[in-house]
Amino acid sequence: MELHPLAAVPADQTWFWTQRWQRMEREADADIAAGRVTTHATVGELFDAFEA
């Protein structure tokens, strides 16, 4: 019998589970919950918001 270890998270997805990324995810969740987000109907409106 041979045992081969399996990673719980695929190697190409480990960045998501770093402390830094998880902190940024919590910050984004807090911004969304507090209503600190905007939506834009078009890409043009999005670019206009960047220029404002």
N, C-alpha and C. Protein backbone atom coordinates (compact mmCIF):
# COMPACT_ATOMS: atom_id res chain seq x y z
N MET A 1 0.84 -1.16 0.00
CA MET A 1 0.00 0.00 0.00
C MET A 1 0.89 1.23 0.00
N GLU A 2 0.56 2.18 -0.85
CA GLU A 2 1.28 3.45 -0.90
C GLU A 2 0.34 4.57 -0.49
N LEU A 3 0.84 5.46 0.31
CA LEU A 3 0.07 6.63 0.72
C LEU A 3 0.66 7.87 0.06
N HIS A 4 -0.20 8.67 -0.52
CA HIS A 4 0.23 9.90 -1.17
C HIS A 4 -0.51 11.06 -0.51
N PRO A 5 0.24 12.01 0.04
CA PRO A 5 -0.44 13.13 0.71
C PRO A 5 -1.20 13.99 -0.30
N LEU A 6 -2.33 14.46 0.13
CA LEU A 6 -3.14 15.36 -0.68
C LEU A 6 -3.21 16.71 0.01
N ALA A 7 -3.05 17.75 -0.76
CA ALA A 7 -3.18 19.09 -0.21
C ALA A 7 -4.66 19.42 -0.09
N ALA A 8 -5.04 20.04 1.03
CA ALA A 8 -6.43 20.42 1.23
C ALA A 8 -6.83 21.52 0.25
N VAL A 9 -5.86 22.33 -0.15
CA VAL A 9 -6.10 23.43 -1.08
C VAL A 9 -5.15 23.24 -2.26
N PRO A 10 -5.68 23.29 -3.47
CA PRO A 10 -4.80 23.16 -4.64
C PRO A 10 -3.70 24.23 -4.62
N ALA A 11 -2.52 23.87 -5.06
CA ALA A 11 -1.36 24.77 -4.99
C ALA A 11 -1.61 26.10 -5.68
N ASP A 12 -2.38 26.10 -6.77
CA ASP A 12 -2.61 27.36 -7.48
C ASP A 12 -3.64 28.26 -6.81
N GLN A 13 -4.19 27.80 -5.68
CA GLN A 13 -5.17 28.61 -4.94
C GLN A 13 -4.68 28.99 -3.54
N THR A 14 -3.45 28.67 -3.21
CA THR A 14 -2.97 28.94 -1.85
C THR A 14 -2.88 30.43 -1.54
N TRP A 15 -2.68 31.28 -2.56
CA TRP A 15 -2.60 32.72 -2.34
C TRP A 15 -3.85 33.23 -1.64
N PHE A 16 -5.00 32.64 -1.95
CA PHE A 16 -6.26 33.11 -1.38
C PHE A 16 -6.29 32.93 0.13
N TRP A 17 -5.58 31.96 0.63
CA TRP A 17 -5.63 31.62 2.06
C TRP A 17 -4.50 32.25 2.86
N THR A 18 -3.70 33.12 2.25
CA THR A 18 -2.66 33.80 3.02
C THR A 18 -3.31 34.79 3.99
N GLN A 19 -2.60 35.11 5.07
CA GLN A 19 -3.13 36.06 6.05
C GLN A 19 -3.44 37.40 5.40
N ARG A 20 -2.55 37.86 4.53
CA ARG A 20 -2.75 39.15 3.87
C ARG A 20 -4.04 39.16 3.05
N TRP A 21 -4.24 38.12 2.25
CA TRP A 21 -5.42 38.10 1.39
C TRP A 21 -6.70 37.98 2.22
N GLN A 22 -6.66 37.17 3.25
CA GLN A 22 -7.84 37.02 4.10
C GLN A 22 -8.17 38.34 4.81
N ARG A 23 -7.16 39.11 5.20
CA ARG A 23 -7.39 40.43 5.79
C ARG A 23 -8.08 41.34 4.77
N MET A 24 -7.60 41.31 3.53
CA MET A 24 -8.22 42.15 2.49
C MET A 24 -9.65 41.70 2.20
N GLU A 25 -9.92 40.41 2.26
CA GLU A 25 -11.29 39.91 2.08
C GLU A 25 -12.20 40.44 3.18
N ARG A 26 -11.71 40.43 4.43
CA ARG A 26 -12.52 40.95 5.55
C ARG A 26 -12.77 42.44 5.38
N GLU A 27 -11.76 43.19 4.93
CA GLU A 27 -11.93 44.62 4.68
C GLU A 27 -12.98 44.86 3.59
N ALA A 28 -12.93 44.08 2.53
CA ALA A 28 -13.90 44.22 1.45
C ALA A 28 -15.30 43.89 1.94
N ASP A 29 -15.43 42.84 2.74
CA ASP A 29 -16.74 42.49 3.29
C ASP A 29 -17.28 43.61 4.17
N ALA A 30 -16.41 44.24 4.96
CA ALA A 30 -16.83 45.35 5.82
C ALA A 30 -17.27 46.54 4.97
N ASP A 31 -16.55 46.84 3.90
CA ASP A 31 -16.93 47.94 3.01
C ASP A 31 -18.29 47.68 2.38
N ILE A 32 -18.52 46.46 1.94
CA ILE A 32 -19.81 46.12 1.33
C ILE A 32 -20.93 46.26 2.36
N ALA A 33 -20.71 45.73 3.56
CA ALA A 33 -21.73 45.79 4.61
C ALA A 33 -22.05 47.22 5.00
N ALA A 34 -21.05 48.11 4.95
CA ALA A 34 -21.24 49.51 5.34
C ALA A 34 -21.75 50.36 4.18
N GLY A 35 -21.91 49.76 3.01
CA GLY A 35 -22.42 50.50 1.87
C GLY A 35 -21.38 51.37 1.18
N ARG A 36 -20.11 51.09 1.41
CA ARG A 36 -19.03 51.87 0.78
C ARG A 36 -18.67 51.27 -0.57
N VAL A 37 -19.68 51.12 -1.41
CA VAL A 37 -19.49 50.58 -2.75
C VAL A 37 -20.32 51.39 -3.73
N THR A 38 -19.95 51.33 -4.98
CA THR A 38 -20.74 51.97 -6.03
C THR A 38 -20.95 50.97 -7.15
N THR A 39 -21.98 51.19 -7.93
CA THR A 39 -22.22 50.36 -9.10
C THR A 39 -22.32 51.27 -10.32
N HIS A 40 -21.99 50.71 -11.45
CA HIS A 40 -21.98 51.48 -12.70
C HIS A 40 -22.64 50.63 -13.78
N ALA A 41 -23.50 51.27 -14.56
CA ALA A 41 -24.23 50.55 -15.60
C ALA A 41 -23.35 50.23 -16.80
N THR A 42 -22.32 51.05 -17.00
CA THR A 42 -21.45 50.84 -18.16
C THR A 42 -19.99 51.02 -17.75
N VAL A 43 -19.11 50.54 -18.58
CA VAL A 43 -17.68 50.74 -18.34
C VAL A 43 -17.36 52.23 -18.41
N GLY A 44 -18.03 52.94 -19.31
CA GLY A 44 -17.82 54.39 -19.42
C GLY A 44 -18.13 55.11 -18.12
N GLU A 45 -19.23 54.72 -17.46
CA GLU A 45 -19.57 55.33 -16.17
C GLU A 45 -18.51 55.00 -15.12
N LEU A 46 -17.99 53.80 -15.18
CA LEU A 46 -16.93 53.42 -14.25
C LEU A 46 -15.70 54.30 -14.45
N PHE A 47 -15.29 54.48 -15.69
CA PHE A 47 -14.13 55.33 -15.97
C PHE A 47 -14.40 56.77 -15.57
N ASP A 48 -15.62 57.25 -15.80
CA ASP A 48 -15.97 58.61 -15.38
C ASP A 48 -15.82 58.76 -13.87
N ALA A 49 -16.18 57.74 -13.12
CA ALA A 49 -16.07 57.80 -11.66
C ALA A 49 -14.60 57.88 -11.23
N PHE A 50 -13.71 57.23 -11.96
CA PHE A 50 -12.29 57.31 -11.65
C PHE A 50 -11.75 58.72 -11.88
N GLU A 51 -12.28 59.39 -12.88
CA GLU A 51 -11.80 60.73 -13.22
C GLU A 51 -12.38 61.80 -12.31
N ALA A 52 -13.44 61.49 -11.59
CA ALA A 52 -14.09 62.49 -10.73
C ALA A 52 -13.29 62.77 -9.48
